[in-house]
Amino acid sequence: MRQGSTVGPPTGEGLKRAFGSSNVAVEGIDYAALLSTNFNVGGADFAGIREMEDLLDRAAARCPTSQIVVGGYS
């Protein structure tokens, strides 16, 4: 679980408490969190965007009946 150090871990733990830890999987994305990447098309680091797309594609393929929730902050 890679979620940074400020927002991700408490958000993931809160979701697990609310919905049950066996019902929630949490995954973070490593990305370059730089002011300059905010000006890229898509508003983020290109490698991070690709990693997120790949992660969502894999989750949807492996768990087709699951609800997938995506969040972020800026």
C-alpha atoms as a PDB file:
ATOM      1  CA  MET A   1       0.000   0.000   0.000  1.00  0.00           C
ATOM      2  CA  ARG A   2       1.776   3.134  -1.240  1.00  0.00           C
ATOM      3  CA  GLN A   3      -0.251   6.144  -0.265  1.00  0.00           C
ATOM      4  CA  GLY A   4       2.098   8.899   0.685  1.00  0.00           C
ATOM      5  CA  SER A   5       2.194   9.878   4.302  1.00  0.00           C
ATOM      6  CA  THR A   6      -0.499  12.468   4.892  1.00  0.00           C
ATOM      7  CA  VAL A   7      -3.868  11.743   3.302  1.00  0.00           C
ATOM      8  CA  GLY A   8      -3.791   8.208   1.884  1.00  0.00           C
ATOM      9  CA  PRO A   9      -3.255   6.063   4.990  1.00  0.00           C
ATOM     10  CA  PRO A  10      -5.982   7.625   7.153  1.00  0.00           C
ATOM     11  CA  THR A  11      -8.405   7.657   4.211  1.00  0.00           C
ATOM     12  CA  GLY A  12      -7.774   3.975   3.501  1.00  0.00           C
ATOM     13  CA  GLU A  13      -8.130   3.042   7.166  1.00  0.00           C
ATOM     14  CA  GLY A  14     -11.369   5.021   7.425  1.00  0.00           C
ATOM     15  CA  LEU A  15     -12.816   3.194   4.415  1.00  0.00           C
ATOM     16  CA  LYS A  16     -11.840  -0.156   5.913  1.00  0.00           C
ATOM     17  CA  ARG A  17     -13.492   0.755   9.229  1.00  0.00           C
ATOM     18  CA  ALA A  18     -16.650   1.940   7.469  1.00  0.00           C
ATOM     19  CA  PHE A  19     -17.025  -0.972   5.042  1.00  0.00           C
ATOM     20  CA  GLY A  20     -15.008  -3.785   6.625  1.00  0.00           C
ATOM     21  CA  SER A  21     -11.375  -4.529   5.957  1.00  0.00           C
ATOM     22  CA  SER A  22     -12.215  -7.675   3.997  1.00  0.00           C
ATOM     23  CA  ASN A  23     -14.399  -5.609   1.630  1.00  0.00           C
ATOM     24  CA  VAL A  24     -11.918  -2.833   0.851  1.00  0.00           C
ATOM     25  CA  ALA A  25      -8.632  -2.908  -1.040  1.00  0.00           C
ATOM     26  CA  VAL A  26      -6.551   0.256  -1.073  1.00  0.00           C
ATOM     27  CA  GLU A  27      -3.705   1.026  -3.468  1.00  0.00           C
ATOM     28  CA  GLY A  28      -1.658   4.168  -3.858  1.00  0.00           C
ATOM     29  CA  ILE A  29       0.227   5.422  -6.885  1.00  0.00           C
ATOM     30  CA  ASP A  30       3.829   6.636  -6.848  1.00  0.00           C
ATOM     31  CA  TYR A  31       4.116   9.807  -8.888  1.00  0.00           C
ATOM     32  CA  ALA A  32       6.213  12.924  -9.110  1.00  0.00           C
ATOM     33  CA  ALA A  33       4.320  15.375  -6.924  1.00  0.00           C
ATOM     34  CA  LEU A  34       5.795  18.548  -8.325  1.00  0.00           C
ATOM     35  CA  LEU A  35       4.199  21.905  -8.942  1.00  0.00           C
ATOM     36  CA  SER A  36       5.380  21.706 -12.553  1.00  0.00           C
ATOM     37  CA  THR A  37       3.509  18.444 -13.238  1.00  0.00           C
ATOM     38  CA  ASN A  38       0.226  20.197 -12.405  1.00  0.00           C
ATOM     39  CA  PHE A  39       0.604  22.009 -15.744  1.00  0.00           C
ATOM     40  CA  ASN A  40       0.819  18.781 -17.768  1.00  0.00           C
ATOM     41  CA  VAL A  41      -2.131  17.652 -19.859  1.00  0.00           C
ATOM     42  CA  GLY A  42      -4.213  15.698 -17.343  1.00  0.00           C
ATOM     43  CA  GLY A  43      -2.865  17.770 -14.459  1.00  0.00           C
ATOM     44  CA  ALA A  44      -0.370  15.194 -13.192  1.00  0.00           C
ATOM     45  CA  ASP A  45       2.849  13.318 -13.809  1.00  0.00           C
ATOM     46  CA  PHE A  46       2.530  11.296 -17.033  1.00  0.00           C
ATOM     47  CA  ALA A  47       4.064   8.129 -15.526  1.00  0.00           C
ATOM     48  CA  GLY A  48       1.651   8.351 -12.587  1.00  0.00           C
ATOM     49  CA  ILE A  49      -1.291   8.729 -14.952  1.00  0.00           C
ATOM     50  CA  ARG A  50      -0.218   5.618 -16.886  1.00  0.00           C
ATOM     51  CA  GLU A  51       0.260   3.653 -13.666  1.00  0.00           C
ATOM     52  CA  MET A  52      -3.220   4.655 -12.468  1.00  0.00           C
ATOM     53  CA  GLU A  53      -4.782   3.673 -15.796  1.00  0.00           C
ATOM     54  CA  ASP A  54      -3.029   0.290 -15.690  1.00  0.00           C
ATOM     55  CA  LEU A  55      -4.079  -0.309 -12.080  1.00  0.00           C
ATOM     56  CA  LEU A  56      -7.726   0.497 -12.860  1.00  0.00           C
ATOM     57  CA  ASP A  57      -7.700  -1.717 -15.959  1.00  0.00           C
ATOM     58  CA  ARG A  58      -6.274  -4.645 -13.959  1.00  0.00           C
ATOM     59  CA  ALA A  59      -8.748  -4.148 -11.098  1.00  0.00           C
ATOM     60  CA  ALA A  60     -11.708  -4.024 -13.482  1.00  0.00           C
ATOM     61  CA  ALA A  61     -10.516  -7.142 -15.323  1.00  0.00           C
ATOM     62  CA  ARG A  62      -9.816  -9.157 -12.165  1.00  0.00           C
ATOM     63  CA  CYS A  63     -12.871  -8.021 -10.199  1.00  0.00           C
ATOM     64  CA  PRO A  64     -15.555  -7.248 -12.796  1.00  0.00           C
ATOM     65  CA  THR A  65     -18.426  -7.127 -10.300  1.00  0.00           C
ATOM     66  CA  SER A  66     -16.632  -4.888  -7.785  1.00  0.00           C
ATOM     67  CA  GLN A  67     -17.284  -1.207  -7.353  1.00  0.00           C
ATOM     68  CA  ILE A  68     -14.116   0.782  -7.969  1.00  0.00           C
ATOM     69  CA  VAL A  69     -13.753   4.127  -6.257  1.00  0.00           C
ATOM     70  CA  VAL A  70     -10.922   6.496  -7.177  1.00  0.00           C
ATOM     71  CA  GLY A  71      -9.893   9.527  -5.196  1.00  0.00           C
ATOM     72  CA  GLY A  72      -7.132  12.063  -5.026  1.00  0.00           C
ATOM     73  CA  TYR A  73      -6.276  15.449  -3.723  1.00  0.00           C
ATOM     74  CA  SER A  74      -4.388  18.526  -4.763  1.00  0.00           C
END
